[in-house]
């Protein structure tokens, strides 16, 4: 997160998949600890579950990638940290198709 905050990102979301069976609770805990150290709250740096199957310890749930791409518009997020590489690829493809400049309008780390 420090690498994203350094260049000026203040709205950074961690995107986790509702469909992943692998447990990465340490990553979520680390993300939350980092946002606290950097002075960001859950509104500025939420943990978002992608998929409607369950929150998986999330601050917010979005049903699909198009809904996720509305998040930056509504909340001012300019960066995503995506847990699953296949989700990252799908999000990037959809962002470019929606006319977003990647990484200009929306940056991310996978």
N, C-alpha and C. Protein backbone atom coordinates (compact mmCIF):
# COMPACT_ATOMS: atom_id res chain seq x y z
N UNK A 1 0.82 -1.19 0.00
CA UNK A 1 0.00 0.00 0.00
C UNK A 1 0.86 1.24 0.00
N UNK A 2 1.99 1.18 0.68
CA UNK A 2 2.87 2.34 0.74
C UNK A 2 3.28 2.76 -0.67
N UNK A 3 3.51 1.77 -1.55
CA UNK A 3 3.91 2.07 -2.93
C UNK A 3 2.79 2.77 -3.70
N UNK A 4 1.55 2.55 -3.32
CA UNK A 4 0.43 3.21 -3.99
C UNK A 4 0.14 4.58 -3.37
N UNK A 5 0.31 4.70 -2.06
CA UNK A 5 0.06 5.98 -1.39
C UNK A 5 1.14 6.99 -1.76
N UNK A 6 2.39 6.53 -1.91
CA UNK A 6 3.50 7.41 -2.25
C UNK A 6 3.24 8.28 -3.48
N UNK A 7 2.76 7.71 -4.59
CA UNK A 7 2.48 8.52 -5.78
C UNK A 7 1.18 9.32 -5.69
N UNK A 8 0.47 9.23 -4.56
CA UNK A 8 -0.71 10.08 -4.39
C UNK A 8 -2.05 9.37 -4.30
N UNK A 9 -2.08 8.06 -4.40
CA UNK A 9 -3.35 7.35 -4.27
C UNK A 9 -3.83 7.41 -2.83
N UNK A 10 -5.09 7.79 -2.63
CA UNK A 10 -5.69 7.79 -1.30
C UNK A 10 -6.87 6.84 -1.24
N UNK A 11 -7.48 6.55 -2.37
CA UNK A 11 -8.57 5.59 -2.44
C UNK A 11 -8.05 4.29 -3.00
N UNK A 12 -7.80 3.32 -2.12
CA UNK A 12 -7.20 2.04 -2.52
C UNK A 12 -8.07 0.93 -1.96
N UNK A 13 -8.54 0.04 -2.82
CA UNK A 13 -9.40 -1.05 -2.36
C UNK A 13 -8.69 -2.38 -2.55
N UNK A 14 -8.83 -3.27 -1.55
CA UNK A 14 -8.39 -4.65 -1.68
C UNK A 14 -9.57 -5.45 -2.23
N UNK A 15 -9.38 -6.11 -3.36
CA UNK A 15 -10.44 -6.89 -3.99
C UNK A 15 -10.15 -8.37 -3.78
N UNK A 16 -11.07 -9.05 -3.09
CA UNK A 16 -10.97 -10.49 -2.87
C UNK A 16 -12.12 -11.16 -3.59
N UNK A 17 -11.94 -12.40 -3.96
CA UNK A 17 -12.98 -13.14 -4.66
C UNK A 17 -13.81 -13.96 -3.69
N UNK A 18 -15.12 -13.96 -3.90
CA UNK A 18 -16.01 -14.80 -3.10
C UNK A 18 -15.86 -16.26 -3.51
N UNK A 19 -15.23 -16.53 -4.65
CA UNK A 19 -15.17 -17.88 -5.19
C UNK A 19 -13.82 -18.56 -4.97
N UNK A 20 -12.97 -17.97 -4.18
CA UNK A 20 -11.66 -18.54 -3.92
C UNK A 20 -11.73 -19.42 -2.68
N UNK A 21 -11.18 -20.60 -2.78
CA UNK A 21 -11.18 -21.51 -1.64
C UNK A 21 -9.90 -21.37 -0.82
N UNK A 22 -8.91 -20.70 -1.37
CA UNK A 22 -7.67 -20.47 -0.66
C UNK A 22 -7.88 -19.39 0.39
N UNK A 23 -7.39 -19.62 1.56
CA UNK A 23 -7.54 -18.66 2.65
C UNK A 23 -6.35 -17.71 2.67
N UNK A 24 -6.63 -16.43 2.66
CA UNK A 24 -5.57 -15.43 2.75
C UNK A 24 -5.93 -14.39 3.82
N UNK A 25 -6.31 -14.83 5.02
CA UNK A 25 -6.70 -13.88 6.05
C UNK A 25 -5.55 -12.95 6.46
N UNK A 26 -4.33 -13.43 6.37
CA UNK A 26 -3.19 -12.58 6.70
C UNK A 26 -3.07 -11.39 5.78
N UNK A 27 -3.42 -11.59 4.53
CA UNK A 27 -3.36 -10.48 3.56
C UNK A 27 -4.39 -9.42 3.91
N UNK A 28 -5.59 -9.84 4.25
CA UNK A 28 -6.64 -8.88 4.62
C UNK A 28 -6.25 -8.14 5.90
N UNK A 29 -5.75 -8.89 6.87
CA UNK A 29 -5.32 -8.26 8.13
C UNK A 29 -4.17 -7.28 7.88
N UNK A 30 -3.24 -7.67 7.03
CA UNK A 30 -2.13 -6.78 6.68
C UNK A 30 -2.59 -5.53 5.97
N UNK A 31 -3.55 -5.68 5.06
CA UNK A 31 -4.11 -4.53 4.34
C UNK A 31 -4.76 -3.57 5.33
N UNK A 32 -5.55 -4.12 6.24
CA UNK A 32 -6.23 -3.28 7.22
C UNK A 32 -5.23 -2.60 8.16
N UNK A 33 -4.20 -3.31 8.57
CA UNK A 33 -3.17 -2.72 9.43
C UNK A 33 -2.44 -1.60 8.68
N UNK A 34 -2.13 -1.83 7.42
CA UNK A 34 -1.44 -0.81 6.61
C UNK A 34 -2.30 0.42 6.43
N UNK A 35 -3.58 0.22 6.16
CA UNK A 35 -4.43 1.40 5.98
C UNK A 35 -4.49 2.22 7.25
N UNK A 36 -4.49 1.56 8.40
CA UNK A 36 -4.48 2.29 9.66
C UNK A 36 -3.19 3.07 9.86
N UNK A 37 -2.06 2.44 9.59
CA UNK A 37 -0.76 3.12 9.72
C UNK A 37 -0.64 4.30 8.77
N UNK A 38 -1.29 4.20 7.61
CA UNK A 38 -1.21 5.26 6.61
C UNK A 38 -2.30 6.32 6.81
N UNK A 39 -3.11 6.16 7.84
CA UNK A 39 -4.16 7.14 8.13
C UNK A 39 -5.37 7.03 7.22
N UNK A 40 -5.60 5.87 6.63
CA UNK A 40 -6.75 5.66 5.76
C UNK A 40 -7.81 4.85 6.51
N UNK A 41 -9.07 5.21 6.33
CA UNK A 41 -10.16 4.46 6.93
C UNK A 41 -10.76 3.48 5.95
N UNK A 42 -11.76 2.72 6.41
CA UNK A 42 -12.37 1.72 5.52
C UNK A 42 -13.12 2.37 4.37
N UNK A 43 -13.54 3.62 4.50
CA UNK A 43 -14.18 4.30 3.37
C UNK A 43 -13.17 4.58 2.25
N UNK A 44 -11.95 4.91 2.64
CA UNK A 44 -10.91 5.22 1.66
C UNK A 44 -10.20 3.97 1.15
N UNK A 45 -10.12 2.95 2.00
CA UNK A 45 -9.37 1.75 1.65
C UNK A 45 -10.12 0.50 2.12
N UNK A 46 -11.25 0.20 1.45
CA UNK A 46 -12.06 -0.95 1.87
C UNK A 46 -11.54 -2.28 1.36
N UNK A 47 -11.96 -3.33 2.04
CA UNK A 47 -11.80 -4.70 1.54
C UNK A 47 -13.12 -5.02 0.85
N UNK A 48 -13.06 -5.32 -0.45
CA UNK A 48 -14.26 -5.57 -1.25
C UNK A 48 -14.27 -7.02 -1.70
N UNK A 49 -15.40 -7.69 -1.50
CA UNK A 49 -15.57 -9.03 -2.04
C UNK A 49 -16.20 -8.93 -3.41
N UNK A 50 -15.57 -9.54 -4.41
CA UNK A 50 -16.09 -9.60 -5.77
C UNK A 50 -16.86 -10.89 -5.93
N UNK A 51 -18.15 -10.78 -6.05
CA UNK A 51 -19.03 -11.95 -6.17
C UNK A 51 -20.05 -11.92 -5.05
N UNK A 52 -21.23 -12.38 -5.34
CA UNK A 52 -22.34 -12.24 -4.39
C UNK A 52 -22.49 -13.41 -3.43
N UNK A 53 -21.52 -14.32 -3.42
CA UNK A 53 -21.68 -15.53 -2.60
C UNK A 53 -21.39 -15.34 -1.12
N UNK A 54 -20.83 -14.23 -0.74
CA UNK A 54 -20.57 -14.03 0.68
C UNK A 54 -19.54 -12.95 0.92
N UNK A 55 -19.59 -12.33 2.07
CA UNK A 55 -18.72 -11.21 2.34
C UNK A 55 -17.26 -11.55 2.60
N UNK A 56 -16.97 -12.76 3.10
CA UNK A 56 -15.58 -13.13 3.40
C UNK A 56 -14.86 -12.04 4.17
N UNK A 57 -15.45 -11.57 5.25
CA UNK A 57 -14.81 -10.55 6.08
C UNK A 57 -14.56 -9.28 5.28
N UNK A 58 -15.58 -8.80 4.58
CA UNK A 58 -15.44 -7.64 3.70
C UNK A 58 -16.09 -6.40 4.29
N UNK A 59 -15.61 -5.24 3.82
CA UNK A 59 -16.24 -3.96 4.14
C UNK A 59 -17.38 -3.68 3.16
N UNK A 60 -17.31 -4.31 1.98
CA UNK A 60 -18.33 -4.13 0.95
C UNK A 60 -18.34 -5.35 0.04
N UNK A 61 -19.46 -5.59 -0.62
CA UNK A 61 -19.61 -6.69 -1.57
C UNK A 61 -20.14 -6.12 -2.88
N UNK A 62 -19.53 -6.50 -3.99
CA UNK A 62 -20.04 -6.14 -5.32
C UNK A 62 -20.30 -7.44 -6.07
N UNK A 63 -21.37 -7.51 -6.85
CA UNK A 63 -21.74 -8.78 -7.48
C UNK A 63 -20.87 -9.21 -8.64
N UNK A 64 -20.26 -8.24 -9.35
CA UNK A 64 -19.52 -8.59 -10.56
C UNK A 64 -18.55 -7.48 -10.93
N UNK A 65 -17.76 -7.70 -11.97
CA UNK A 65 -16.75 -6.73 -12.39
C UNK A 65 -17.36 -5.40 -12.82
N UNK A 66 -18.45 -5.37 -13.62
CA UNK A 66 -19.03 -4.07 -13.95
C UNK A 66 -19.41 -3.25 -12.70
N UNK A 67 -19.95 -3.91 -11.69
CA UNK A 67 -20.29 -3.21 -10.45
C UNK A 67 -19.02 -2.75 -9.74
N UNK A 68 -17.98 -3.56 -9.77
CA UNK A 68 -16.71 -3.17 -9.17
C UNK A 68 -16.16 -1.92 -9.84
N UNK A 69 -16.27 -1.84 -11.15
CA UNK A 69 -15.74 -0.68 -11.87
C UNK A 69 -16.51 0.59 -11.57
N UNK A 70 -17.72 0.48 -11.04
CA UNK A 70 -18.46 1.66 -10.60
C UNK A 70 -17.93 2.20 -9.28
N UNK A 71 -17.23 1.35 -8.52
CA UNK A 71 -16.70 1.75 -7.22
C UNK A 71 -15.81 2.99 -7.32
N UNK A 72 -14.81 3.02 -8.24
CA UNK A 72 -13.97 4.22 -8.33
C UNK A 72 -14.77 5.48 -8.64
N UNK A 73 -15.79 5.35 -9.45
CA UNK A 73 -16.61 6.51 -9.81
C UNK A 73 -17.35 7.03 -8.58
N UNK A 74 -17.95 6.11 -7.81
CA UNK A 74 -18.74 6.51 -6.64
C UNK A 74 -17.89 6.88 -5.45
N UNK A 75 -16.77 6.21 -5.26
CA UNK A 75 -16.00 6.37 -4.03
C UNK A 75 -14.65 7.06 -4.21
N UNK A 76 -14.27 7.33 -5.43
CA UNK A 76 -13.00 8.01 -5.65
C UNK A 76 -11.77 7.13 -5.54
N UNK A 77 -11.94 5.83 -5.61
CA UNK A 77 -10.78 4.94 -5.58
C UNK A 77 -9.98 5.09 -6.87
N UNK A 78 -8.68 5.14 -6.73
CA UNK A 78 -7.82 5.24 -7.91
C UNK A 78 -6.88 4.05 -8.04
N UNK A 79 -6.95 3.12 -7.07
CA UNK A 79 -6.07 1.95 -7.13
C UNK A 79 -6.76 0.74 -6.50
N UNK A 80 -6.47 -0.43 -7.06
CA UNK A 80 -6.99 -1.69 -6.54
C UNK A 80 -5.83 -2.62 -6.25
N UNK A 81 -5.92 -3.35 -5.16
CA UNK A 81 -5.01 -4.45 -4.86
C UNK A 81 -5.88 -5.69 -5.03
N UNK A 82 -5.58 -6.51 -6.01
CA UNK A 82 -6.44 -7.64 -6.37
C UNK A 82 -5.77 -8.95 -5.94
N UNK A 83 -6.46 -9.74 -5.13
CA UNK A 83 -5.89 -10.98 -4.60
C UNK A 83 -5.70 -12.07 -5.64
N UNK A 84 -6.59 -12.18 -6.60
CA UNK A 84 -6.56 -13.29 -7.55
C UNK A 84 -6.15 -12.76 -8.94
N UNK A 85 -5.09 -13.34 -9.50
CA UNK A 85 -4.54 -12.83 -10.76
C UNK A 85 -5.53 -12.91 -11.91
N UNK A 86 -6.36 -13.95 -11.95
CA UNK A 86 -7.35 -14.04 -13.03
C UNK A 86 -8.40 -12.94 -12.89
N UNK A 87 -8.75 -12.59 -11.65
CA UNK A 87 -9.67 -11.46 -11.43
C UNK A 87 -9.01 -10.16 -11.91
N UNK A 88 -7.72 -10.00 -11.61
CA UNK A 88 -7.00 -8.79 -12.03
C UNK A 88 -7.03 -8.64 -13.54
N UNK A 89 -6.82 -9.74 -14.26
CA UNK A 89 -6.84 -9.69 -15.73
C UNK A 89 -8.24 -9.33 -16.24
N UNK A 90 -9.26 -9.92 -15.65
CA UNK A 90 -10.64 -9.62 -16.06
C UNK A 90 -10.99 -8.16 -15.75
N UNK A 91 -10.58 -7.67 -14.60
CA UNK A 91 -10.87 -6.28 -14.21
C UNK A 91 -10.16 -5.31 -15.17
N UNK A 92 -8.90 -5.61 -15.50
CA UNK A 92 -8.17 -4.73 -16.42
C UNK A 92 -8.82 -4.69 -17.79
N UNK A 93 -9.17 -5.85 -18.32
CA UNK A 93 -9.83 -5.91 -19.63
C UNK A 93 -11.13 -5.13 -19.63
N UNK A 94 -11.93 -5.31 -18.59
CA UNK A 94 -13.21 -4.60 -18.49
C UNK A 94 -13.01 -3.09 -18.31
N UNK A 95 -11.99 -2.71 -17.56
CA UNK A 95 -11.71 -1.28 -17.35
C UNK A 95 -11.33 -0.60 -18.66
N UNK A 96 -10.46 -1.25 -19.42
CA UNK A 96 -10.05 -0.69 -20.71
C UNK A 96 -11.25 -0.63 -21.66
N UNK A 97 -12.07 -1.68 -21.69
CA UNK A 97 -13.26 -1.69 -22.54
C UNK A 97 -14.26 -0.61 -22.14
N UNK A 98 -14.26 -0.25 -20.87
CA UNK A 98 -15.17 0.80 -20.38
C UNK A 98 -14.60 2.20 -20.59
N UNK A 99 -13.40 2.27 -21.19
CA UNK A 99 -12.82 3.56 -21.50
C UNK A 99 -11.93 4.14 -20.42
N UNK A 100 -11.62 3.36 -19.40
CA UNK A 100 -10.72 3.85 -18.35
C UNK A 100 -9.28 3.74 -18.82
N UNK A 101 -8.48 4.72 -18.46
CA UNK A 101 -7.06 4.68 -18.73
C UNK A 101 -6.40 3.89 -17.61
N UNK A 102 -5.78 2.78 -17.99
CA UNK A 102 -5.11 1.92 -17.02
C UNK A 102 -3.61 2.02 -17.28
N UNK A 103 -2.82 2.51 -16.37
CA UNK A 103 -3.09 2.80 -14.97
C UNK A 103 -3.41 4.25 -14.64
N UNK A 104 -3.66 5.09 -15.62
CA UNK A 104 -3.93 6.51 -15.35
C UNK A 104 -5.14 6.75 -14.47
N UNK A 105 -6.31 6.24 -14.87
CA UNK A 105 -7.53 6.40 -14.08
C UNK A 105 -7.61 5.40 -12.93
N UNK A 106 -7.09 4.20 -13.17
CA UNK A 106 -7.19 3.13 -12.20
C UNK A 106 -5.93 2.28 -12.24
N UNK A 107 -5.19 2.33 -11.16
CA UNK A 107 -3.98 1.52 -11.04
C UNK A 107 -4.28 0.32 -10.17
N UNK A 108 -3.44 -0.72 -10.25
CA UNK A 108 -3.61 -1.84 -9.33
C UNK A 108 -2.35 -2.66 -9.19
N UNK A 109 -2.44 -3.47 -8.19
CA UNK A 109 -1.38 -4.43 -7.89
C UNK A 109 -2.06 -5.78 -7.70
N UNK A 110 -1.49 -6.83 -8.24
CA UNK A 110 -2.06 -8.17 -8.08
C UNK A 110 -1.06 -9.07 -7.38
